[in-house]
């Protein structure tokens, strides 16, 4: 993974966003990695570019970080510690306590129910009633999966 140098101020802002995401989504057996924060910031920046995109389940976190998304989306912290993570999800045991761990593992737990789509929407999610719903970001996919399959 390429590295990008960031200032101490940007590192503090990045750490604050990581802490917010950890408090909102991580449980006893999960953590939020720098790659998770970067994926979140890129999704927020992408959603900000498209005013018709859905906002997901965390409007307060998106509002808190919307101003920092443009600055931080081009910056990255040190490379990951070598763990084999997917491009957004942190690895770890599934089935932790509370809704936090479930949110981080939704994409993996329900990988057969969503896929990349062609056209305006980047992703499609198959719903329990055999219909599909489109999503622009992975966070939107997580929100749809959480709403229908929690």
N, C-alpha and C. Protein backbone atom coordinates (compact mmCIF):
# COMPACT_ATOMS: atom_id res chain seq x y z
N UNK A 1 0.85 -1.16 0.00
CA UNK A 1 0.00 0.00 0.00
C UNK A 1 0.90 1.23 0.00
N UNK A 2 0.65 2.18 -0.88
CA UNK A 2 1.46 3.39 -0.89
C UNK A 2 1.23 4.20 0.39
N UNK A 3 2.26 4.91 0.78
CA UNK A 3 2.14 5.76 1.97
C UNK A 3 2.14 7.22 1.55
N UNK A 4 1.44 8.02 2.33
CA UNK A 4 1.37 9.46 2.11
C UNK A 4 1.70 10.12 3.43
N UNK A 5 2.56 11.11 3.37
CA UNK A 5 2.92 11.84 4.58
C UNK A 5 1.80 12.81 4.94
N UNK A 6 1.46 12.87 6.23
CA UNK A 6 0.46 13.83 6.69
C UNK A 6 1.05 14.60 7.87
N UNK A 7 0.51 15.78 8.09
CA UNK A 7 1.01 16.62 9.17
C UNK A 7 0.51 16.09 10.52
N UNK A 8 1.09 16.60 11.59
CA UNK A 8 0.65 16.21 12.93
C UNK A 8 -0.81 16.59 13.16
N UNK A 9 -1.21 17.76 12.66
CA UNK A 9 -2.60 18.20 12.80
C UNK A 9 -3.55 17.25 12.07
N UNK A 10 -3.18 16.86 10.86
CA UNK A 10 -4.00 15.92 10.11
C UNK A 10 -4.05 14.56 10.80
N UNK A 11 -2.94 14.14 11.39
CA UNK A 11 -2.91 12.88 12.13
C UNK A 11 -3.86 12.92 13.33
N UNK A 12 -3.90 14.05 14.02
CA UNK A 12 -4.82 14.21 15.16
C UNK A 12 -6.27 14.15 14.69
N UNK A 13 -6.57 14.80 13.58
CA UNK A 13 -7.93 14.77 13.03
C UNK A 13 -8.31 13.36 12.60
N UNK A 14 -7.37 12.66 11.98
CA UNK A 14 -7.59 11.29 11.55
C UNK A 14 -7.86 10.39 12.76
N UNK A 15 -7.07 10.58 13.82
CA UNK A 15 -7.24 9.79 15.04
C UNK A 15 -8.60 10.09 15.69
N UNK A 16 -9.04 11.34 15.64
CA UNK A 16 -10.34 11.71 16.21
C UNK A 16 -11.47 11.02 15.46
N UNK A 17 -11.37 10.96 14.14
CA UNK A 17 -12.38 10.27 13.34
C UNK A 17 -12.36 8.78 13.66
N UNK A 18 -11.17 8.22 13.80
CA UNK A 18 -11.05 6.80 14.15
C UNK A 18 -11.70 6.53 15.51
N UNK A 19 -11.49 7.42 16.47
CA UNK A 19 -12.11 7.28 17.79
C UNK A 19 -13.64 7.34 17.69
N UNK A 20 -14.16 8.25 16.86
CA UNK A 20 -15.61 8.36 16.67
C UNK A 20 -16.18 7.08 16.07
N UNK A 21 -15.51 6.56 15.06
CA UNK A 21 -15.98 5.33 14.43
C UNK A 21 -15.89 4.15 15.39
N UNK A 22 -14.83 4.11 16.19
CA UNK A 22 -14.69 3.04 17.17
C UNK A 22 -15.82 3.10 18.18
N UNK A 23 -16.12 4.29 18.67
CA UNK A 23 -17.19 4.44 19.66
C UNK A 23 -18.55 4.06 19.07
N UNK A 24 -18.76 4.38 17.80
CA UNK A 24 -20.06 4.14 17.18
C UNK A 24 -20.24 2.71 16.68
N UNK A 25 -19.15 2.04 16.25
CA UNK A 25 -19.32 0.77 15.55
C UNK A 25 -18.51 -0.41 16.08
N UNK A 26 -17.46 -0.17 16.83
CA UNK A 26 -16.62 -1.28 17.26
C UNK A 26 -17.05 -1.75 18.64
N UNK A 27 -16.99 -3.03 18.83
CA UNK A 27 -17.36 -3.61 20.11
C UNK A 27 -16.15 -4.18 20.81
N UNK A 28 -16.43 -5.06 21.73
CA UNK A 28 -15.38 -5.64 22.56
C UNK A 28 -14.34 -6.43 21.75
N UNK A 29 -14.76 -7.07 20.67
CA UNK A 29 -13.87 -7.95 19.92
C UNK A 29 -13.47 -7.40 18.56
N UNK A 30 -13.71 -6.14 18.30
CA UNK A 30 -13.34 -5.55 17.02
C UNK A 30 -12.63 -4.23 17.23
N UNK A 31 -12.02 -3.76 16.19
CA UNK A 31 -11.36 -2.46 16.23
C UNK A 31 -11.51 -1.80 14.87
N UNK A 32 -11.27 -0.51 14.85
CA UNK A 32 -11.32 0.25 13.60
C UNK A 32 -9.88 0.53 13.19
N UNK A 33 -9.50 0.01 12.04
CA UNK A 33 -8.14 0.15 11.53
C UNK A 33 -8.03 1.41 10.66
N UNK A 34 -6.81 1.89 10.42
CA UNK A 34 -6.64 3.05 9.54
C UNK A 34 -7.27 2.85 8.16
N UNK A 35 -7.24 1.62 7.64
CA UNK A 35 -7.86 1.38 6.33
C UNK A 35 -9.38 1.55 6.40
N UNK A 36 -9.98 1.22 7.56
CA UNK A 36 -11.42 1.43 7.74
C UNK A 36 -11.75 2.91 7.73
N UNK A 37 -10.92 3.71 8.41
CA UNK A 37 -11.14 5.16 8.47
C UNK A 37 -11.00 5.75 7.07
N UNK A 38 -9.98 5.32 6.34
CA UNK A 38 -9.77 5.85 5.00
C UNK A 38 -10.94 5.49 4.08
N UNK A 39 -11.44 4.26 4.17
CA UNK A 39 -12.59 3.86 3.35
C UNK A 39 -13.81 4.69 3.72
N UNK A 40 -14.01 4.94 5.01
CA UNK A 40 -15.12 5.76 5.47
C UNK A 40 -15.01 7.18 4.90
N UNK A 41 -13.82 7.77 4.99
CA UNK A 41 -13.63 9.13 4.49
C UNK A 41 -13.85 9.22 2.98
N UNK A 42 -13.39 8.21 2.25
CA UNK A 42 -13.61 8.20 0.81
C UNK A 42 -15.09 8.07 0.48
N UNK A 43 -15.81 7.23 1.24
CA UNK A 43 -17.25 7.09 1.03
C UNK A 43 -17.98 8.40 1.34
N UNK A 44 -17.57 9.07 2.42
CA UNK A 44 -18.19 10.35 2.78
C UNK A 44 -17.92 11.39 1.69
N UNK A 45 -16.70 11.43 1.19
CA UNK A 45 -16.36 12.38 0.13
C UNK A 45 -17.14 12.08 -1.14
N UNK A 46 -17.29 10.80 -1.46
CA UNK A 46 -18.05 10.41 -2.64
C UNK A 46 -19.52 10.79 -2.48
N UNK A 47 -20.07 10.56 -1.30
CA UNK A 47 -21.47 10.91 -1.04
C UNK A 47 -21.66 12.43 -1.08
N UNK A 48 -20.67 13.18 -0.65
CA UNK A 48 -20.76 14.65 -0.68
C UNK A 48 -20.77 15.16 -2.11
N UNK A 49 -20.10 14.43 -3.01
CA UNK A 49 -20.09 14.82 -4.41
C UNK A 49 -21.43 14.57 -5.08
N UNK A 50 -22.22 13.64 -4.53
CA UNK A 50 -23.52 13.29 -5.10
C UNK A 50 -24.61 13.59 -4.08
N UNK A 51 -25.31 14.71 -4.21
CA UNK A 51 -26.31 15.09 -3.21
C UNK A 51 -27.50 14.14 -3.16
N UNK A 52 -27.70 13.27 -4.16
CA UNK A 52 -28.82 12.34 -4.14
C UNK A 52 -28.48 11.04 -3.44
N UNK A 53 -27.22 10.86 -3.04
CA UNK A 53 -26.81 9.62 -2.37
C UNK A 53 -27.41 9.55 -0.98
N UNK A 54 -27.68 8.33 -0.55
CA UNK A 54 -28.22 8.12 0.80
C UNK A 54 -27.13 8.40 1.82
N UNK A 55 -27.54 8.83 3.02
CA UNK A 55 -26.56 9.20 4.04
C UNK A 55 -26.23 8.07 4.99
N UNK A 56 -27.00 7.01 5.06
CA UNK A 56 -26.68 5.90 5.94
C UNK A 56 -27.22 6.09 7.33
N UNK A 57 -26.73 5.29 8.28
CA UNK A 57 -27.24 5.28 9.65
C UNK A 57 -26.55 6.27 10.57
N UNK A 58 -25.48 6.93 10.15
CA UNK A 58 -24.71 7.77 11.06
C UNK A 58 -24.63 9.21 10.58
N UNK A 59 -25.73 9.94 10.56
CA UNK A 59 -25.68 11.31 10.07
C UNK A 59 -24.81 12.21 10.93
N UNK A 60 -24.75 11.98 12.23
CA UNK A 60 -23.93 12.85 13.08
C UNK A 60 -22.45 12.64 12.79
N UNK A 61 -22.04 11.40 12.56
CA UNK A 61 -20.64 11.15 12.24
C UNK A 61 -20.30 11.73 10.87
N UNK A 62 -21.22 11.61 9.92
CA UNK A 62 -20.98 12.17 8.60
C UNK A 62 -20.91 13.69 8.67
N UNK A 63 -21.77 14.30 9.46
CA UNK A 63 -21.76 15.75 9.59
C UNK A 63 -20.48 16.22 10.28
N UNK A 64 -20.03 15.48 11.28
CA UNK A 64 -18.81 15.85 11.99
C UNK A 64 -17.59 15.77 11.10
N UNK A 65 -17.59 14.81 10.15
CA UNK A 65 -16.40 14.60 9.34
C UNK A 65 -16.52 15.14 7.93
N UNK A 66 -17.67 15.67 7.55
CA UNK A 66 -17.83 16.15 6.18
C UNK A 66 -16.82 17.24 5.84
N UNK A 67 -16.55 18.12 6.77
CA UNK A 67 -15.59 19.19 6.52
C UNK A 67 -14.18 18.66 6.40
N UNK A 68 -13.87 17.56 7.05
CA UNK A 68 -12.52 17.01 7.01
C UNK A 68 -12.34 16.00 5.89
N UNK A 69 -13.42 15.57 5.26
CA UNK A 69 -13.32 14.51 4.26
C UNK A 69 -12.46 14.92 3.08
N UNK A 70 -12.62 16.14 2.58
CA UNK A 70 -11.83 16.57 1.43
C UNK A 70 -10.35 16.64 1.76
N UNK A 71 -10.00 17.15 2.93
CA UNK A 71 -8.60 17.23 3.33
C UNK A 71 -8.02 15.86 3.60
N UNK A 72 -8.74 15.05 4.34
CA UNK A 72 -8.21 13.76 4.78
C UNK A 72 -8.29 12.70 3.69
N UNK A 73 -9.17 12.85 2.72
CA UNK A 73 -9.31 11.84 1.69
C UNK A 73 -8.06 11.71 0.85
N UNK A 74 -7.23 12.73 0.79
CA UNK A 74 -6.00 12.66 0.02
C UNK A 74 -4.81 12.29 0.89
N UNK A 75 -5.02 12.17 2.19
CA UNK A 75 -3.95 11.85 3.12
C UNK A 75 -4.16 10.46 3.68
N UNK A 76 -3.05 9.83 4.05
CA UNK A 76 -3.15 8.49 4.61
C UNK A 76 -2.11 8.33 5.69
N UNK A 77 -2.41 7.52 6.65
CA UNK A 77 -1.45 7.27 7.72
C UNK A 77 -0.47 6.19 7.29
N UNK A 78 0.32 5.76 8.25
CA UNK A 78 1.31 4.73 8.00
C UNK A 78 0.63 3.48 7.48
N UNK A 79 1.37 2.61 6.77
CA UNK A 79 0.76 1.41 6.24
C UNK A 79 0.27 0.51 7.37
N UNK A 80 -0.67 -0.33 7.02
CA UNK A 80 -1.25 -1.24 8.01
C UNK A 80 -0.19 -2.21 8.51
N UNK A 81 -0.45 -2.83 9.64
CA UNK A 81 0.54 -3.67 10.29
C UNK A 81 0.70 -5.03 9.62
N UNK A 82 0.24 -5.19 8.41
CA UNK A 82 0.47 -6.41 7.67
C UNK A 82 -0.65 -7.42 7.81
N UNK A 83 -1.72 -7.09 8.48
CA UNK A 83 -2.84 -8.00 8.62
C UNK A 83 -3.50 -8.20 7.27
N UNK A 84 -4.17 -9.30 7.09
CA UNK A 84 -4.85 -9.55 5.82
C UNK A 84 -6.28 -9.07 5.93
N UNK A 85 -6.47 -7.79 5.65
CA UNK A 85 -7.78 -7.18 5.73
C UNK A 85 -8.33 -6.97 4.33
N UNK A 86 -9.64 -6.99 4.22
CA UNK A 86 -10.23 -6.59 2.97
C UNK A 86 -10.06 -5.09 2.86
N UNK A 87 -10.47 -4.50 1.73
CA UNK A 87 -10.21 -3.08 1.55
C UNK A 87 -11.00 -2.20 2.50
N UNK A 88 -11.95 -2.74 3.24
CA UNK A 88 -12.66 -1.89 4.18
C UNK A 88 -12.86 -2.54 5.53
N UNK A 89 -13.00 -3.79 5.59
CA UNK A 89 -13.37 -4.45 6.83
C UNK A 89 -12.14 -4.88 7.62
N UNK A 90 -12.21 -4.76 8.93
CA UNK A 90 -11.14 -5.28 9.76
C UNK A 90 -11.43 -6.73 10.04
N UNK A 91 -10.38 -7.55 10.08
CA UNK A 91 -10.59 -8.95 10.34
C UNK A 91 -10.75 -9.17 11.83
N UNK A 92 -11.44 -10.22 12.18
CA UNK A 92 -11.65 -10.53 13.59
C UNK A 92 -12.79 -11.49 13.71
N UNK A 93 -12.98 -12.03 14.90
CA UNK A 93 -14.04 -13.00 15.07
C UNK A 93 -15.41 -12.34 14.94
N UNK A 94 -16.30 -13.04 14.30
CA UNK A 94 -17.67 -12.54 14.19
C UNK A 94 -18.42 -12.89 15.45
N UNK A 95 -19.52 -12.22 15.67
CA UNK A 95 -20.35 -12.57 16.80
C UNK A 95 -19.93 -11.92 18.09
N UNK A 96 -19.47 -10.69 18.05
CA UNK A 96 -19.11 -9.97 19.26
C UNK A 96 -20.35 -9.52 19.99
N UNK A 97 -20.16 -8.67 20.97
CA UNK A 97 -21.25 -8.18 21.79
C UNK A 97 -21.82 -6.90 21.19
N UNK A 98 -23.14 -6.78 21.10
CA UNK A 98 -23.77 -5.55 20.65
C UNK A 98 -23.82 -5.43 19.13
N UNK A 99 -24.27 -4.25 18.67
CA UNK A 99 -24.44 -4.02 17.23
C UNK A 99 -23.14 -3.61 16.56
N UNK A 100 -22.14 -3.14 17.29
CA UNK A 100 -20.90 -2.67 16.71
C UNK A 100 -20.18 -3.69 15.87
N UNK A 101 -19.84 -4.85 16.41
CA UNK A 101 -19.13 -5.85 15.62
C UNK A 101 -19.94 -6.28 14.41
N UNK A 102 -21.26 -6.36 14.55
CA UNK A 102 -22.09 -6.74 13.43
C UNK A 102 -22.01 -5.75 12.30
N UNK A 103 -21.93 -4.47 12.62
CA UNK A 103 -21.84 -3.45 11.58
C UNK A 103 -20.55 -3.61 10.78
N UNK A 104 -19.44 -3.91 11.45
CA UNK A 104 -18.18 -4.04 10.75
C UNK A 104 -18.12 -5.30 9.90
N UNK A 105 -18.88 -6.33 10.26
CA UNK A 105 -18.84 -7.59 9.54
C UNK A 105 -20.02 -7.80 8.61
N UNK A 106 -20.90 -6.83 8.48
CA UNK A 106 -22.09 -7.01 7.65
C UNK A 106 -21.75 -7.37 6.21
N UNK A 107 -20.78 -6.71 5.64
CA UNK A 107 -20.43 -6.98 4.24
C UNK A 107 -19.94 -8.41 4.07
N UNK A 108 -19.14 -8.89 5.02
CA UNK A 108 -18.63 -10.26 4.95
C UNK A 108 -19.72 -11.27 5.27
N UNK A 109 -20.51 -11.00 6.31
CA UNK A 109 -21.54 -11.94 6.73
C UNK A 109 -22.63 -12.13 5.68
N UNK A 110 -22.89 -11.11 4.88
CA UNK A 110 -23.96 -11.17 3.88
C UNK A 110 -23.42 -10.96 2.47
N UNK A 111 -22.22 -11.46 2.21
CA UNK A 111 -21.60 -11.22 0.91
C UNK A 111 -22.40 -11.79 -0.26
N UNK A 112 -23.25 -12.79 -0.01
CA UNK A 112 -24.07 -13.35 -1.09
C UNK A 112 -25.28 -12.48 -1.41
N UNK A 113 -25.57 -11.49 -0.58
CA UNK A 113 -26.76 -10.66 -0.76
C UNK A 113 -26.48 -9.31 -1.42
N UNK A 114 -25.23 -8.98 -1.68
CA UNK A 114 -24.91 -7.71 -2.34
C UNK A 114 -23.81 -7.94 -3.36
N UNK A 115 -23.75 -7.09 -4.36
CA UNK A 115 -22.74 -7.19 -5.41
C UNK A 115 -22.58 -5.84 -6.10
N UNK A 116 -21.49 -5.71 -6.84
CA UNK A 116 -21.28 -4.49 -7.61
C UNK A 116 -22.25 -4.47 -8.78
N UNK A 117 -22.71 -3.28 -9.11
CA UNK A 117 -23.71 -3.12 -10.17
C UNK A 117 -23.14 -2.27 -11.29
N UNK A 118 -23.82 -2.31 -12.40
CA UNK A 118 -23.46 -1.46 -13.52
C UNK A 118 -24.40 -0.26 -13.52
N UNK A 119 -23.96 0.84 -14.07
CA UNK A 119 -24.81 2.01 -14.14
C UNK A 119 -24.49 3.03 -13.06
N UNK A 120 -25.48 3.85 -12.72
CA UNK A 120 -25.28 4.92 -11.76
C UNK A 120 -24.97 4.42 -10.36
N UNK A 121 -25.67 3.40 -9.92
CA UNK A 121 -25.44 2.85 -8.58
C UNK A 121 -24.26 1.89 -8.64
N UNK A 122 -23.37 1.99 -7.67
CA UNK A 122 -22.20 1.12 -7.66
C UNK A 122 -22.50 -0.28 -7.12
N UNK A 123 -23.55 -0.40 -6.28
CA UNK A 123 -23.85 -1.67 -5.64
C UNK A 123 -25.35 -1.95 -5.67
N UNK A 124 -25.70 -3.25 -5.64
CA UNK A 124 -27.08 -3.68 -5.51
C UNK A 124 -27.17 -4.65 -4.34
N UNK A 125 -28.25 -4.52 -3.56
CA UNK A 125 -28.48 -5.38 -2.41
C UNK A 125 -29.79 -6.12 -2.63
N UNK A 126 -29.74 -7.46 -2.52
CA UNK A 126 -30.95 -8.26 -2.65
C UNK A 126 -31.68 -8.27 -1.31
N UNK A 127 -32.95 -7.87 -1.32
CA UNK A 127 -33.74 -7.77 -0.10
C UNK A 127 -34.51 -9.07 0.15
N UNK A 128 -34.98 -9.28 1.38
CA UNK A 128 -35.69 -10.52 1.71
C UNK A 128 -36.95 -10.76 0.87
N UNK A 129 -37.57 -9.69 0.35
CA UNK A 129 -38.78 -9.86 -0.46
C UNK A 129 -38.46 -10.05 -1.95
N UNK A 130 -37.22 -10.45 -2.26
CA UNK A 130 -36.75 -10.72 -3.62
C UNK A 130 -36.70 -9.49 -4.52
N UNK A 131 -36.68 -8.30 -3.96
CA UNK A 131 -36.44 -7.09 -4.73
C UNK A 131 -34.99 -6.67 -4.49
N UNK A 132 -34.54 -5.69 -5.24
CA UNK A 132 -33.18 -5.18 -5.03
C UNK A 132 -33.23 -3.69 -4.75
N UNK A 133 -32.28 -3.26 -3.96
CA UNK A 133 -32.13 -1.84 -3.65
C UNK A 133 -30.72 -1.44 -4.04
N UNK A 134 -30.58 -0.26 -4.63
CA UNK A 134 -29.26 0.20 -5.06
C UNK A 134 -28.60 1.04 -3.98
N UNK A 135 -27.28 1.05 -4.03
CA UNK A 135 -26.50 1.83 -3.07
C UNK A 135 -25.29 2.40 -3.79
N UNK A 136 -24.89 3.60 -3.39
CA UNK A 136 -23.74 4.25 -4.01
C UNK A 136 -22.43 3.94 -3.31
N UNK A 137 -22.48 3.69 -2.01
CA UNK A 137 -21.25 3.44 -1.25
C UNK A 137 -21.39 2.16 -0.44
N UNK A 138 -20.26 1.65 0.04
CA UNK A 138 -20.29 0.47 0.90
C UNK A 138 -20.99 0.77 2.22
N UNK A 139 -20.87 2.00 2.70
CA UNK A 139 -21.59 2.37 3.91
C UNK A 139 -23.10 2.29 3.68
N UNK A 140 -23.55 2.68 2.49
CA UNK A 140 -24.96 2.56 2.16
C UNK A 140 -25.38 1.09 2.11
N UNK A 141 -24.49 0.23 1.57
CA UNK A 141 -24.76 -1.20 1.54
C UNK A 141 -24.91 -1.73 2.97
N UNK A 142 -23.99 -1.31 3.85
CA UNK A 142 -24.06 -1.74 5.25
C UNK A 142 -25.37 -1.30 5.89
N UNK A 143 -25.79 -0.07 5.62
CA UNK A 143 -27.03 0.43 6.20
C UNK A 143 -28.23 -0.39 5.72
N UNK A 144 -28.25 -0.72 4.44
CA UNK A 144 -29.36 -1.52 3.90
C UNK A 144 -29.34 -2.92 4.50
N UNK A 145 -28.15 -3.53 4.57
CA UNK A 145 -28.05 -4.87 5.16
C UNK A 145 -28.47 -4.85 6.62
N UNK A 146 -28.05 -3.84 7.35
CA UNK A 146 -28.41 -3.74 8.76
C UNK A 146 -29.92 -3.61 8.93
N UNK A 147 -30.52 -2.80 8.07
CA UNK A 147 -31.96 -2.56 8.16
C UNK A 147 -32.77 -3.83 7.88
N UNK A 148 -32.32 -4.64 6.92
CA UNK A 148 -33.11 -5.79 6.49
C UNK A 148 -32.64 -7.13 7.03
N UNK A 149 -31.39 -7.24 7.46
CA UNK A 149 -30.85 -8.54 7.85
C UNK A 149 -30.24 -8.58 9.24
N UNK A 150 -30.44 -7.58 10.06
CA UNK A 150 -29.79 -7.61 11.38
C UNK A 150 -30.36 -8.71 12.17
